[in-house]
PDB file of all heavy atoms in Angstrom:
ATOM      1  N   LEU A   1      30.711 -31.933   7.144  1.00  0.00           N
ATOM      2  CA  LEU A   1      29.508 -31.109   7.224  1.00  0.00           C
ATOM      3  C   LEU A   1      29.556 -29.975   6.204  1.00  0.00           C
ATOM      4  O   LEU A   1      28.544 -29.661   5.564  1.00  0.00           O
ATOM      5  CB  LEU A   1      29.345 -30.554   8.644  1.00  0.00           C
ATOM      6  CG  LEU A   1      28.012 -29.864   8.943  1.00  0.00           C
ATOM      7  CD1 LEU A   1      26.852 -30.835   8.781  1.00  0.00           C
ATOM      8  CD2 LEU A   1      28.007 -29.282  10.363  1.00  0.00           C
ATOM      9  N   VAL A   2      30.726 -29.366   6.039  1.00  0.00           N
ATOM     10  CA  VAL A   2      30.868 -28.286   5.055  1.00  0.00           C
ATOM     11  C   VAL A   2      30.559 -28.804   3.651  1.00  0.00           C
ATOM     12  O   VAL A   2      29.787 -28.193   2.892  1.00  0.00           O
ATOM     13  CB  VAL A   2      32.280 -27.679   5.111  1.00  0.00           C
ATOM     14  CG1 VAL A   2      32.536 -26.773   3.903  1.00  0.00           C
ATOM     15  CG2 VAL A   2      32.480 -26.893   6.404  1.00  0.00           C
ATOM     16  N   LEU A   3      31.133 -29.941   3.284  1.00  0.00           N
ATOM     17  CA  LEU A   3      30.932 -30.481   1.936  1.00  0.00           C
ATOM     18  C   LEU A   3      29.495 -30.940   1.720  1.00  0.00           C
ATOM     19  O   LEU A   3      28.977 -30.878   0.599  1.00  0.00           O
ATOM     20  CB  LEU A   3      31.904 -31.633   1.683  1.00  0.00           C
ATOM     21  CG  LEU A   3      33.381 -31.242   1.546  1.00  0.00           C
ATOM     22  CD1 LEU A   3      34.260 -32.479   1.457  1.00  0.00           C
ATOM     23  CD2 LEU A   3      33.600 -30.341   0.335  1.00  0.00           C
ATOM     24  N   SER A   4      28.828 -31.395   2.789  1.00  0.00           N
ATOM     25  CA  SER A   4      27.450 -31.873   2.638  1.00  0.00           C
ATOM     26  C   SER A   4      26.454 -30.719   2.529  1.00  0.00           C
ATOM     27  O   SER A   4      25.395 -30.870   1.913  1.00  0.00           O
ATOM     28  CB  SER A   4      27.065 -32.774   3.818  1.00  0.00           C
ATOM     29  OG  SER A   4      26.971 -32.036   5.024  1.00  0.00           O
ATOM     30  N   LYS A   5      26.781 -29.565   3.108  1.00  0.00           N
ATOM     31  CA  LYS A   5      25.827 -28.448   3.142  1.00  0.00           C
ATOM     32  C   LYS A   5      26.122 -27.353   2.129  1.00  0.00           C
ATOM     33  O   LYS A   5      25.272 -26.495   1.894  1.00  0.00           O
ATOM     34  CB  LYS A   5      25.773 -27.847   4.546  1.00  0.00           C
ATOM     35  CG  LYS A   5      25.081 -28.744   5.567  1.00  0.00           C
ATOM     36  CD  LYS A   5      24.718 -27.976   6.823  1.00  0.00           C
ATOM     37  CE  LYS A   5      23.850 -28.800   7.749  1.00  0.00           C
ATOM     38  NZ  LYS A   5      23.405 -28.029   8.946  1.00  0.00           N
ATOM     39  N   THR A   6      27.325 -27.336   1.547  1.00  0.00           N
ATOM     40  CA  THR A   6      27.669 -26.280   0.580  1.00  0.00           C
ATOM     41  C   THR A   6      28.183 -26.931  -0.696  1.00  0.00           C
ATOM     42  O   THR A   6      29.367 -27.250  -0.816  1.00  0.00           O
ATOM     43  CB  THR A   6      28.725 -25.314   1.163  1.00  0.00           C
ATOM     44  OG1 THR A   6      29.839 -26.075   1.652  1.00  0.00           O
ATOM     45  CG2 THR A   6      28.144 -24.511   2.309  1.00  0.00           C
ATOM     46  N   SER A   7      27.270 -27.102  -1.648  1.00  0.00           N
ATOM     47  CA  SER A   7      27.633 -27.793  -2.887  1.00  0.00           C
ATOM     48  C   SER A   7      28.628 -26.990  -3.717  1.00  0.00           C
ATOM     49  O   SER A   7      29.314 -27.551  -4.578  1.00  0.00           O
ATOM     50  CB  SER A   7      26.365 -28.056  -3.705  1.00  0.00           C
ATOM     51  OG  SER A   7      25.710 -26.832  -4.019  1.00  0.00           O
ATOM     52  N   GLN A   8      28.731 -25.677  -3.478  1.00  0.00           N
ATOM     53  CA  GLN A   8      29.650 -24.841  -4.260  1.00  0.00           C
ATOM     54  C   GLN A   8      31.104 -25.091  -3.894  1.00  0.00           C
ATOM     55  O   GLN A   8      32.010 -24.792  -4.666  1.00  0.00           O
ATOM     56  CB  GLN A   8      29.338 -23.357  -4.042  1.00  0.00           C
ATOM     57  CG  GLN A   8      27.899 -22.967  -4.342  1.00  0.00           C
ATOM     58  CD  GLN A   8      27.000 -23.047  -3.115  1.00  0.00           C
ATOM     59  OE1 GLN A   8      27.264 -23.807  -2.185  1.00  0.00           O
ATOM     60  NE2 GLN A   8      25.931 -22.268  -3.114  1.00  0.00           N
ATOM     61  N   VAL A   9      31.353 -25.635  -2.699  1.00  0.00           N
ATOM     62  CA  VAL A   9      32.723 -25.851  -2.214  1.00  0.00           C
ATOM     63  C   VAL A   9      33.241 -27.182  -2.748  1.00  0.00           C
ATOM     64  O   VAL A   9      32.575 -28.223  -2.639  1.00  0.00           O
ATOM     65  CB  VAL A   9      32.755 -25.829  -0.675  1.00  0.00           C
ATOM     66  CG1 VAL A   9      34.114 -26.296  -0.154  1.00  0.00           C
ATOM     67  CG2 VAL A   9      32.451 -24.425  -0.169  1.00  0.00           C
ATOM     68  N   GLN A  10      34.447 -27.158  -3.315  1.00  0.00           N
ATOM     69  CA  GLN A  10      35.041 -28.363  -3.900  1.00  0.00           C
ATOM     70  C   GLN A  10      36.095 -28.992  -2.994  1.00  0.00           C
ATOM     71  O   GLN A  10      36.216 -30.214  -2.935  1.00  0.00           O
ATOM     72  CB  GLN A  10      35.681 -28.015  -5.251  1.00  0.00           C
ATOM     73  CG  GLN A  10      34.714 -27.410  -6.246  1.00  0.00           C
ATOM     74  CD  GLN A  10      33.547 -28.326  -6.549  1.00  0.00           C
ATOM     75  OE1 GLN A  10      33.708 -29.533  -6.701  1.00  0.00           O
ATOM     76  NE2 GLN A  10      32.357 -27.749  -6.635  1.00  0.00           N
ATOM     77  N   VAL A  11      36.865 -28.167  -2.303  1.00  0.00           N
ATOM     78  CA  VAL A  11      37.933 -28.646  -1.422  1.00  0.00           C
ATOM     79  C   VAL A  11      37.917 -27.802  -0.158  1.00  0.00           C
ATOM     80  O   VAL A  11      37.725 -26.578  -0.236  1.00  0.00           O
ATOM     81  CB  VAL A  11      39.325 -28.539  -2.089  1.00  0.00           C
ATOM     82  CG1 VAL A  11      40.430 -28.971  -1.128  1.00  0.00           C
ATOM     83  CG2 VAL A  11      39.381 -29.389  -3.344  1.00  0.00           C
ATOM     84  N   VAL A  12      38.098 -28.447   1.002  1.00  0.00           N
ATOM     85  CA  VAL A  12      38.140 -27.692   2.255  1.00  0.00           C
ATOM     86  C   VAL A  12      39.326 -28.173   3.090  1.00  0.00           C
ATOM     87  O   VAL A  12      39.537 -29.376   3.270  1.00  0.00           O
ATOM     88  CB  VAL A  12      36.819 -27.816   3.041  1.00  0.00           C
ATOM     89  CG1 VAL A  12      36.463 -29.262   3.338  1.00  0.00           C
ATOM     90  CG2 VAL A  12      36.878 -27.001   4.327  1.00  0.00           C
ATOM     91  N   GLU A  13      40.128 -27.215   3.543  1.00  0.00           N
ATOM     92  CA  GLU A  13      41.284 -27.486   4.400  1.00  0.00           C
ATOM     93  C   GLU A  13      40.983 -26.950   5.791  1.00  0.00           C
ATOM     94  O   GLU A  13      40.502 -25.825   5.941  1.00  0.00           O
ATOM     95  CB  GLU A  13      42.528 -26.790   3.847  1.00  0.00           C
ATOM     96  CG  GLU A  13      43.761 -26.888   4.756  1.00  0.00           C
ATOM     97  CD  GLU A  13      44.889 -25.951   4.331  1.00  0.00           C
ATOM     98  OE1 GLU A  13      44.697 -25.190   3.362  1.00  0.00           O
ATOM     99  OE2 GLU A  13      45.952 -25.980   4.983  1.00  0.00           O
ATOM    100  N   VAL A  14      41.266 -27.759   6.807  1.00  0.00           N
ATOM    101  CA  VAL A  14      41.071 -27.327   8.183  1.00  0.00           C
ATOM    102  C   VAL A  14      42.338 -27.607   8.977  1.00  0.00           C
ATOM    103  O   VAL A  14      42.895 -28.711   8.901  1.00  0.00           O
ATOM    104  CB  VAL A  14      39.871 -28.041   8.856  1.00  0.00           C
ATOM    105  CG1 VAL A  14      39.762 -27.636  10.325  1.00  0.00           C
ATOM    106  CG2 VAL A  14      38.581 -27.700   8.131  1.00  0.00           C
ATOM    107  N   VAL A  15      42.796 -26.616   9.720  1.00  0.00           N
ATOM    108  CA  VAL A  15      43.920 -26.768  10.642  1.00  0.00           C
ATOM    109  C   VAL A  15      43.415 -26.415  12.035  1.00  0.00           C
ATOM    110  O   VAL A  15      42.801 -25.364  12.227  1.00  0.00           O
ATOM    111  CB  VAL A  15      45.110 -25.861  10.266  1.00  0.00           C
ATOM    112  CG1 VAL A  15      46.262 -26.043  11.257  1.00  0.00           C
ATOM    113  CG2 VAL A  15      45.571 -26.141   8.844  1.00  0.00           C
ATOM    114  N   LEU A  16      43.661 -27.298  12.990  1.00  0.00           N
ATOM    115  CA  LEU A  16      43.290 -27.045  14.379  1.00  0.00           C
ATOM    116  C   LEU A  16      44.562 -26.977  15.203  1.00  0.00           C
ATOM    117  O   LEU A  16      45.291 -27.965  15.323  1.00  0.00           O
ATOM    118  CB  LEU A  16      42.380 -28.161  14.904  1.00  0.00           C
ATOM    119  CG  LEU A  16      41.723 -27.973  16.281  1.00  0.00           C
ATOM    120  CD1 LEU A  16      40.567 -28.958  16.445  1.00  0.00           C
ATOM    121  CD2 LEU A  16      42.688 -28.179  17.437  1.00  0.00           C
ATOM    122  N   ASN A  17      44.846 -25.802  15.739  1.00  0.00           N
ATOM    123  CA  ASN A  17      45.960 -25.635  16.674  1.00  0.00           C
ATOM    124  C   ASN A  17      45.429 -25.824  18.091  1.00  0.00           C
ATOM    125  O   ASN A  17      44.613 -25.031  18.575  1.00  0.00           O
ATOM    126  CB  ASN A  17      46.578 -24.238  16.528  1.00  0.00           C
ATOM    127  CG  ASN A  17      47.330 -24.080  15.226  1.00  0.00           C
ATOM    128  OD1 ASN A  17      48.200 -24.865  14.904  1.00  0.00           O
ATOM    129  ND2 ASN A  17      46.973 -23.062  14.459  1.00  0.00           N
ATOM    130  N   ASN A  18      45.895 -26.882  18.750  1.00  0.00           N
ATOM    131  CA  ASN A  18      45.380 -27.240  20.066  1.00  0.00           C
ATOM    132  C   ASN A  18      45.927 -26.315  21.153  1.00  0.00           C
ATOM    133  O   ASN A  18      47.126 -26.031  21.205  1.00  0.00           O
ATOM    134  CB  ASN A  18      45.769 -28.694  20.381  1.00  0.00           C
ATOM    135  CG  ASN A  18      45.456 -29.074  21.800  1.00  0.00           C
ATOM    136  OD1 ASN A  18      44.438 -28.655  22.348  1.00  0.00           O
ATOM    137  ND2 ASN A  18      46.325 -29.861  22.415  1.00  0.00           N
ATOM    138  N   ILE A  19      45.039 -25.846  22.036  1.00  0.00           N
ATOM    139  CA  ILE A  19      45.429 -25.058  23.203  1.00  0.00           C
ATOM    140  C   ILE A  19      45.032 -25.849  24.440  1.00  0.00           C
ATOM    141  O   ILE A  19      43.875 -25.787  24.872  1.00  0.00           O
ATOM    142  CB  ILE A  19      44.762 -23.671  23.201  1.00  0.00           C
ATOM    143  CG1 ILE A  19      45.052 -22.937  21.893  1.00  0.00           C
ATOM    144  CG2 ILE A  19      45.233 -22.847  24.399  1.00  0.00           C
ATOM    145  CD1 ILE A  19      44.277 -21.657  21.716  1.00  0.00           C
ATOM    146  N   PRO A  20      45.945 -26.641  25.000  1.00  0.00           N
ATOM    147  CA  PRO A  20      45.576 -27.487  26.148  1.00  0.00           C
ATOM    148  C   PRO A  20      45.482 -26.685  27.443  1.00  0.00           C
ATOM    149  O   PRO A  20      46.097 -25.629  27.587  1.00  0.00           O
ATOM    150  CB  PRO A  20      46.724 -28.499  26.217  1.00  0.00           C
ATOM    151  CG  PRO A  20      47.892 -27.788  25.617  1.00  0.00           C
ATOM    152  CD  PRO A  20      47.335 -26.865  24.563  1.00  0.00           C
ATOM    153  N   TYR A  21      44.704 -27.221  28.383  1.00  0.00           N
ATOM    154  CA  TYR A  21      44.569 -26.644  29.725  1.00  0.00           C
ATOM    155  C   TYR A  21      44.927 -27.710  30.747  1.00  0.00           C
ATOM    156  O   TYR A  21      44.469 -28.859  30.648  1.00  0.00           O
ATOM    157  CB  TYR A  21      43.140 -26.159  29.970  1.00  0.00           C
ATOM    158  CG  TYR A  21      42.812 -24.838  29.322  1.00  0.00           C
ATOM    159  CD1 TYR A  21      42.576 -24.763  27.945  1.00  0.00           C
ATOM    160  CD2 TYR A  21      42.749 -23.670  30.066  1.00  0.00           C
ATOM    161  CE1 TYR A  21      42.281 -23.538  27.345  1.00  0.00           C
ATOM    162  CE2 TYR A  21      42.449 -22.446  29.465  1.00  0.00           C
ATOM    163  CZ  TYR A  21      42.222 -22.401  28.114  1.00  0.00           C
ATOM    164  OH  TYR A  21      41.936 -21.192  27.524  1.00  0.00           O
ATOM    165  N   ASN A  22      45.757 -27.355  31.695  1.00  0.00           N
ATOM    166  CA  ASN A  22      46.149 -28.268  32.765  1.00  0.00           C
ATOM    167  C   ASN A  22      45.435 -27.923  34.063  1.00  0.00           C
ATOM    168  O   ASN A  22      45.294 -26.748  34.420  1.00  0.00           O
ATOM    169  CB  ASN A  22      47.669 -28.214  32.996  1.00  0.00           C
ATOM    170  CG  ASN A  22      48.444 -28.847  31.848  1.00  0.00           C
ATOM    171  OD1 ASN A  22      47.906 -29.650  31.082  1.00  0.00           O
ATOM    172  ND2 ASN A  22      49.705 -28.482  31.725  1.00  0.00           N
ATOM    173  N   VAL A  23      44.999 -28.971  34.771  1.00  0.00           N
ATOM    174  CA  VAL A  23      44.345 -28.782  36.064  1.00  0.00           C
ATOM    175  C   VAL A  23      45.390 -28.392  37.104  1.00  0.00           C
ATOM    176  O   VAL A  23      46.456 -29.002  37.195  1.00  0.00           O
ATOM    177  CB  VAL A  23      43.617 -30.067  36.498  1.00  0.00           C
ATOM    178  CG1 VAL A  23      42.965 -29.873  37.873  1.00  0.00           C
ATOM    179  CG2 VAL A  23      42.572 -30.460  35.457  1.00  0.00           C
ATOM    180  N   VAL A  24      45.103 -27.362  37.877  1.00  0.00           N
ATOM    181  CA  VAL A  24      46.025 -26.903  38.915  1.00  0.00           C
ATOM    182  C   VAL A  24      45.957 -27.849  40.111  1.00  0.00           C
ATOM    183  O   VAL A  24      44.874 -28.163  40.617  1.00  0.00           O
ATOM    184  CB  VAL A  24      45.670 -25.469  39.372  1.00  0.00           C
ATOM    185  CG1 VAL A  24      46.610 -25.025  40.486  1.00  0.00           C
ATOM    186  CG2 VAL A  24      45.746 -24.513  38.183  1.00  0.00           C
ATOM    187  N   ASP A  25      47.132 -28.342  40.555  1.00  0.00           N
ATOM    188  CA  ASP A  25      47.211 -29.211  41.736  1.00  0.00           C
ATOM    189  C   ASP A  25      47.112 -28.342  42.992  1.00  0.00           C
ATOM    190  O   ASP A  25      47.989 -27.530  43.272  1.00  0.00           O
ATOM    191  CB  ASP A  25      48.527 -29.988  41.721  1.00  0.00           C
ATOM    192  CG  ASP A  25      48.588 -31.032  42.844  1.00  0.00           C
ATOM    193  OD1 ASP A  25      47.680 -31.052  43.709  1.00  0.00           O
ATOM    194  OD2 ASP A  25      49.550 -31.825  42.852  1.00  0.00           O
ATOM    195  N   MET A  26      46.028 -28.528  43.742  1.00  0.00           N
ATOM    196  CA  MET A  26      45.781 -27.713  44.937  1.00  0.00           C
ATOM    197  C   MET A  26      45.860 -28.510  46.238  1.00  0.00           C
ATOM    198  O   MET A  26      45.394 -28.048  47.280  1.00  0.00           O
ATOM    199  CB  MET A  26      44.411 -27.034  44.827  1.00  0.00           C
ATOM    200  CG  MET A  26      44.325 -25.992  43.742  1.00  0.00           C
ATOM    201  SD  MET A  26      42.754 -25.085  43.771  1.00  0.00           S
ATOM    202  CE  MET A  26      43.124 -23.726  42.678  1.00  0.00           C
ATOM    203  N   LYS A  27      46.481 -29.704  46.160  1.00  0.00           N
ATOM    204  CA  LYS A  27      46.568 -30.542  47.363  1.00  0.00           C
ATOM    205  C   LYS A  27      47.348 -29.840  48.466  1.00  0.00           C
ATOM    206  O   LYS A  27      46.993 -29.929  49.647  1.00  0.00           O
ATOM    207  CB  LYS A  27      47.229 -31.872  47.014  1.00  0.00           C
ATOM    208  CG  LYS A  27      46.371 -32.782  46.125  1.00  0.00           C
ATOM    209  CD  LYS A  27      47.111 -34.058  45.769  1.00  0.00           C
ATOM    210  CE  LYS A  27      46.290 -34.931  44.832  1.00  0.00           C
ATOM    211  NZ  LYS A  27      47.032 -36.146  44.415  1.00  0.00           N
ATOM    212  N   ASN A  28      48.438 -29.152  48.106  1.00  0.00           N
ATOM    213  CA  ASN A  28      49.239 -28.450  49.120  1.00  0.00           C
ATOM    214  C   ASN A  28      48.480 -27.281  49.749  1.00  0.00           C
ATOM    215  O   ASN A  28      48.875 -26.760  50.795  1.00  0.00           O
ATOM    216  CB  ASN A  28      50.544 -27.939  48.511  1.00  0.00           C
ATOM    217  CG  ASN A  28      51.471 -29.074  48.131  1.00  0.00           C
ATOM    218  OD1 ASN A  28      51.371 -30.174  48.673  1.00  0.00           O
ATOM    219  ND2 ASN A  28      52.376 -28.813  47.197  1.00  0.00           N
ATOM    220  N   LEU A  29      47.391 -26.875  49.104  1.00  0.00           N
ATOM    221  CA  LEU A  29      46.563 -25.807  49.648  1.00  0.00           C
ATOM    222  C   LEU A  29      45.365 -26.360  50.410  1.00  0.00           C
ATOM    223  O   LEU A  29      44.501 -25.607  50.859  1.00  0.00           O
ATOM    224  CB  LEU A  29      46.073 -24.899  48.514  1.00  0.00           C
ATOM    225  CG  LEU A  29      47.163 -24.214  47.676  1.00  0.00           C
ATOM    226  CD1 LEU A  29      46.552 -23.473  46.500  1.00  0.00           C
ATOM    227  CD2 LEU A  29      47.989 -23.273  48.539  1.00  0.00           C
ATOM    228  N   GLY A  30      45.326 -27.701  50.534  1.00  0.00           N
ATOM    229  CA  GLY A  30      44.249 -28.344  51.263  1.00  0.00           C
ATOM    230  C   GLY A  30      42.929 -28.370  50.524  1.00  0.00           C
ATOM    231  O   GLY A  30      41.861 -28.473  51.144  1.00  0.00           O
ATOM    232  N   LEU A  31      43.004 -28.307  49.181  1.00  0.00           N
ATOM    233  CA  LEU A  31      41.784 -28.272  48.382  1.00  0.00           C
ATOM    234  C   LEU A  31      41.803 -29.367  47.326  1.00  0.00           C
ATOM    235  O   LEU A  31      42.857 -29.782  46.850  1.00  0.00           O
ATOM    236  CB  LEU A  31      41.649 -26.912  47.681  1.00  0.00           C
ATOM    237  CG  LEU A  31      41.478 -25.682  48.581  1.00  0.00           C
ATOM    238  CD1 LEU A  31      41.533 -24.416  47.735  1.00  0.00           C
ATOM    239  CD2 LEU A  31      40.175 -25.745  49.355  1.00  0.00           C
ATOM    240  N   THR A  32      40.633 -29.835  46.980  1.00  0.00           N
ATOM    241  CA  THR A  32      40.463 -30.765  45.869  1.00  0.00           C
ATOM    242  C   THR A  32      39.982 -29.988  44.659  1.00  0.00           C
ATOM    243  O   THR A  32      38.954 -29.304  44.715  1.00  0.00           O
ATOM    244  CB  THR A  32      39.441 -31.857  46.217  1.00  0.00           C
ATOM    245  OG1 THR A  32      39.897 -32.583  47.359  1.00  0.00           O
ATOM    246  CG2 THR A  32      39.260 -32.816  45.046  1.00  0.00           C
ATOM    247  N   ASN A  33      40.727 -30.077  43.587  1.00  0.00           N
ATOM    248  CA  ASN A  33      40.403 -29.342  42.368  1.00  0.00           C
ATOM    249  C   ASN A  33      39.832 -30.310  41.334  1.00  0.00           C
ATOM    250  O   ASN A  33      40.566 -31.034  40.673  1.00  0.00           O
ATOM    251  CB  ASN A  33      41.649 -28.650  41.828  1.00  0.00           C
ATOM    252  CG  ASN A  33      41.333 -27.771  40.619  1.00  0.00           C
ATOM    253  OD1 ASN A  33      40.172 -27.492  40.326  1.00  0.00           O
ATOM    254  ND2 ASN A  33      42.371 -27.351  39.915  1.00  0.00           N
ATOM    255  N   ASP A  34      38.523 -30.346  41.233  1.00  0.00           N
ATOM    256  CA  ASP A  34      37.844 -31.258  40.313  1.00  0.00           C
ATOM    257  C   ASP A  34      37.619 -30.553  38.965  1.00  0.00           C
ATOM    258  O   ASP A  34      36.488 -30.237  38.588  1.00  0.00           O
ATOM    259  CB  ASP A  34      36.507 -31.710  40.916  1.00  0.00           C
ATOM    260  CG  ASP A  34      35.823 -32.779  40.058  1.00  0.00           C
ATOM    261  OD1 ASP A  34      36.511 -33.399  39.221  1.00  0.00           O
ATOM    262  OD2 ASP A  34      34.596 -32.957  40.210  1.00  0.00           O
ATOM    263  N   ASN A  35      38.724 -30.334  38.263  1.00  0.00           N
ATOM    264  CA  ASN A  35      38.666 -29.680  36.945  1.00  0.00           C
ATOM    265  C   ASN A  35      37.937 -28.337  36.999  1.00  0.00           C
ATOM    266  O   ASN A  35      37.221 -27.960  36.061  1.00  0.00           O
ATOM    267  CB  ASN A  35      37.977 -30.587  35.922  1.00  0.00           C
ATOM    268  CG  ASN A  35      38.848 -31.752  35.511  1.00  0.00           C
ATOM    269  OD1 ASN A  35      39.986 -31.881  35.958  1.00  0.00           O
ATOM    270  ND2 ASN A  35      38.319 -32.621  34.683  1.00  0.00           N
ATOM    271  N   GLU A  36      38.132 -27.613  38.082  1.00  0.00           N
ATOM    272  CA  GLU A  36      37.451 -26.318  38.240  1.00  0.00           C
ATOM    273  C   GLU A  36      38.392 -25.133  38.008  1.00  0.00           C
ATOM    274  O   GLU A  36      37.948 -24.062  37.588  1.00  0.00           O
ATOM    275  CB  GLU A  36      36.834 -26.222  39.635  1.00  0.00           C
ATOM    276  CG  GLU A  36      35.728 -27.256  39.879  1.00  0.00           C
ATOM    277  CD  GLU A  36      35.416 -27.415  41.357  1.00  0.00           C
ATOM    278  OE1 GLU A  36      36.359 -27.560  42.155  1.00  0.00           O
ATOM    279  OE2 GLU A  36      34.233 -27.398  41.703  1.00  0.00           O
ATOM    280  N   VAL A  37      39.676 -25.322  38.304  1.00  0.00           N
ATOM    281  CA  VAL A  37      40.668 -24.277  38.060  1.00  0.00           C
ATOM    282  C   VAL A  37      41.757 -24.871  37.165  1.00  0.00           C
ATOM    283  O   VAL A  37      42.413 -25.845  37.548  1.00  0.00           O
ATOM    284  CB  VAL A  37      41.282 -23.747  39.366  1.00  0.00           C
ATOM    285  CG1 VAL A  37      42.314 -22.667  39.058  1.00  0.00           C
ATOM    286  CG2 VAL A  37      40.204 -23.200  40.295  1.00  0.00           C
ATOM    287  N   LEU A  38      41.916 -24.285  35.978  1.00  0.00           N
ATOM    288  CA  LEU A  38      42.875 -24.790  35.001  1.00  0.00           C
ATOM    289  C   LEU A  38      43.675 -23.629  34.446  1.00  0.00           C
ATOM    290  O   LEU A  38      43.233 -22.479  34.474  1.00  0.00           O
ATOM    291  CB  LEU A  38      42.171 -25.525  33.857  1.00  0.00           C
ATOM    292  CG  LEU A  38      41.195 -26.647  34.247  1.00  0.00           C
ATOM    293  CD1 LEU A  38      39.772 -26.112  34.243  1.00  0.00           C
ATOM    294  CD2 LEU A  38      41.309 -27.825  33.293  1.00  0.00           C
ATOM    295  N   VAL A  39      44.865 -23.935  33.947  1.00  0.00           N
ATOM    296  CA  VAL A  39      45.701 -22.913  33.330  1.00  0.00           C
ATOM    297  C   VAL A  39      46.030 -23.339  31.901  1.00  0.00           C
ATOM    298  O   VAL A  39      46.276 -24.523  31.634  1.00  0.00           O
ATOM    299  CB  VAL A  39      47.006 -22.673  34.127  1.00  0.00           C
ATOM    300  CG1 VAL A  39      46.691 -22.078  35.475  1.00  0.00           C
ATOM    301  CG2 VAL A  39      47.805 -23.959  34.285  1.00  0.00           C
ATOM    302  N   PRO A  40      46.023 -22.395  30.965  1.00  0.00           N
ATOM    303  CA  PRO A  40      46.340 -22.747  29.580  1.00  0.00           C
ATOM    304  C   PRO A  40      47.826 -22.994  29.387  1.00  0.00           C
ATOM    305  O   PRO A  40      48.665 -22.348  30.013  1.00  0.00           O
ATOM    306  CB  PRO A  40      45.885 -21.512  28.795  1.00  0.00           C
ATOM    307  CG  PRO A  40      46.014 -20.389  29.765  1.00  0.00           C
ATOM    308  CD  PRO A  40      45.690 -20.964  31.121  1.00  0.00           C
ATOM    309  N   VAL A  41      48.139 -23.954  28.533  1.00  0.00           N
ATOM    310  CA  VAL A  41      49.523 -24.224  28.142  1.00  0.00           C
ATOM    311  C   VAL A  41      49.706 -23.579  26.775  1.00  0.00           C
ATOM    312  O   VAL A  41      49.276 -24.111  25.747  1.00  0.00           O
ATOM    313  CB  VAL A  41      49.805 -25.739  28.085  1.00  0.00           C
ATOM    314  CG1 VAL A  41      51.260 -26.001  27.707  1.00  0.00           C
ATOM    315  CG2 VAL A  41      49.474 -26.393  29.420  1.00  0.00           C
ATOM    316  N   GLU A  42      50.312 -22.404  26.750  1.00  0.00           N
ATOM    317  CA  GLU A  42      50.377 -21.629  25.512  1.00  0.00           C
ATOM    318  C   GLU A  42      51.307 -22.248  24.472  1.00  0.00           C
ATOM    319  O   GLU A  42      51.032 -22.199  23.277  1.00  0.00           O
ATOM    320  CB  GLU A  42      50.821 -20.197  25.821  1.00  0.00           C
ATOM    321  CG  GLU A  42      49.825 -19.428  26.687  1.00  0.00           C
ATOM    322  CD  GLU A  42      48.506 -19.150  25.981  1.00  0.00           C
ATOM    323  OE1 GLU A  42      48.443 -19.300  24.752  1.00  0.00           O
ATOM    324  OE2 GLU A  42      47.546 -18.780  26.667  1.00  0.00           O
ATOM    325  N   ILE A  43      52.438 -22.793  24.914  1.00  0.00           N
ATOM    326  CA  ILE A  43      53.375 -23.404  23.972  1.00  0.00           C
ATOM    327  C   ILE A  43      53.939 -24.660  24.616  1.00  0.00           C
ATOM    328  O   ILE A  43      54.030 -24.744  25.846  1.00  0.00           O
ATOM    329  CB  ILE A  43      54.520 -22.439  23.581  1.00  0.00           C
ATOM    330  CG1 ILE A  43      55.182 -21.863  24.837  1.00  0.00           C
ATOM    331  CG2 ILE A  43      54.030 -21.356  22.659  1.00  0.00           C
ATOM    332  CD1 ILE A  43      56.389 -20.993  24.555  1.00  0.00           C
ATOM    333  N   PRO A  44      54.355 -25.672  23.847  1.00  0.00           N
ATOM    334  CA  PRO A  44      54.242 -25.713  22.391  1.00  0.00           C
ATOM    335  C   PRO A  44      52.852 -26.144  21.949  1.00  0.00           C
ATOM    336  O   PRO A  44      52.174 -26.900  22.649  1.00  0.00           O
ATOM    337  CB  PRO A  44      55.282 -26.769  22.011  1.00  0.00           C
ATOM    338  CG  PRO A  44      55.287 -27.712  23.182  1.00  0.00           C
ATOM    339  CD  PRO A  44      55.036 -26.852  24.402  1.00  0.00           C
ATOM    340  N   TYR A  45      52.435 -25.652  20.789  1.00  0.00           N
ATOM    341  CA  TYR A  45      51.160 -26.058  20.212  1.00  0.00           C
ATOM    342  C   TYR A  45      51.294 -27.438  19.569  1.00  0.00           C
ATOM    343  O   TYR A  45      52.265 -27.729  18.883  1.00  0.00           O
ATOM    344  CB  TYR A  45      50.735 -25.092  19.108  1.00  0.00           C
ATOM    345  CG  TYR A  45      49.984 -23.872  19.581  1.00  0.00           C
ATOM    346  CD1 TYR A  45      50.447 -22.604  19.260  1.00  0.00           C
ATOM    347  CD2 TYR A  45      48.806 -23.987  20.307  1.00  0.00           C
ATOM    348  CE1 TYR A  45      49.756 -21.471  19.661  1.00  0.00           C
ATOM    349  CE2 TYR A  45      48.103 -22.862  20.712  1.00  0.00           C
ATOM    350  CZ  TYR A  45      48.582 -21.607  20.388  1.00  0.00           C
ATOM    351  OH  TYR A  45      47.901 -20.496  20.780  1.00  0.00           O
TER     352      TYR A  45
END
């Protein structure tokens, strides 16, 4: 999209560092967690 919309740009580098989120298991609390409460996994990226 960058190359198609900006003719002045010749080369574009993109790095995406992923920040995953894990669903909290709430079965022991008597609850079903349908991707509503999640915690970030900070490392490793």
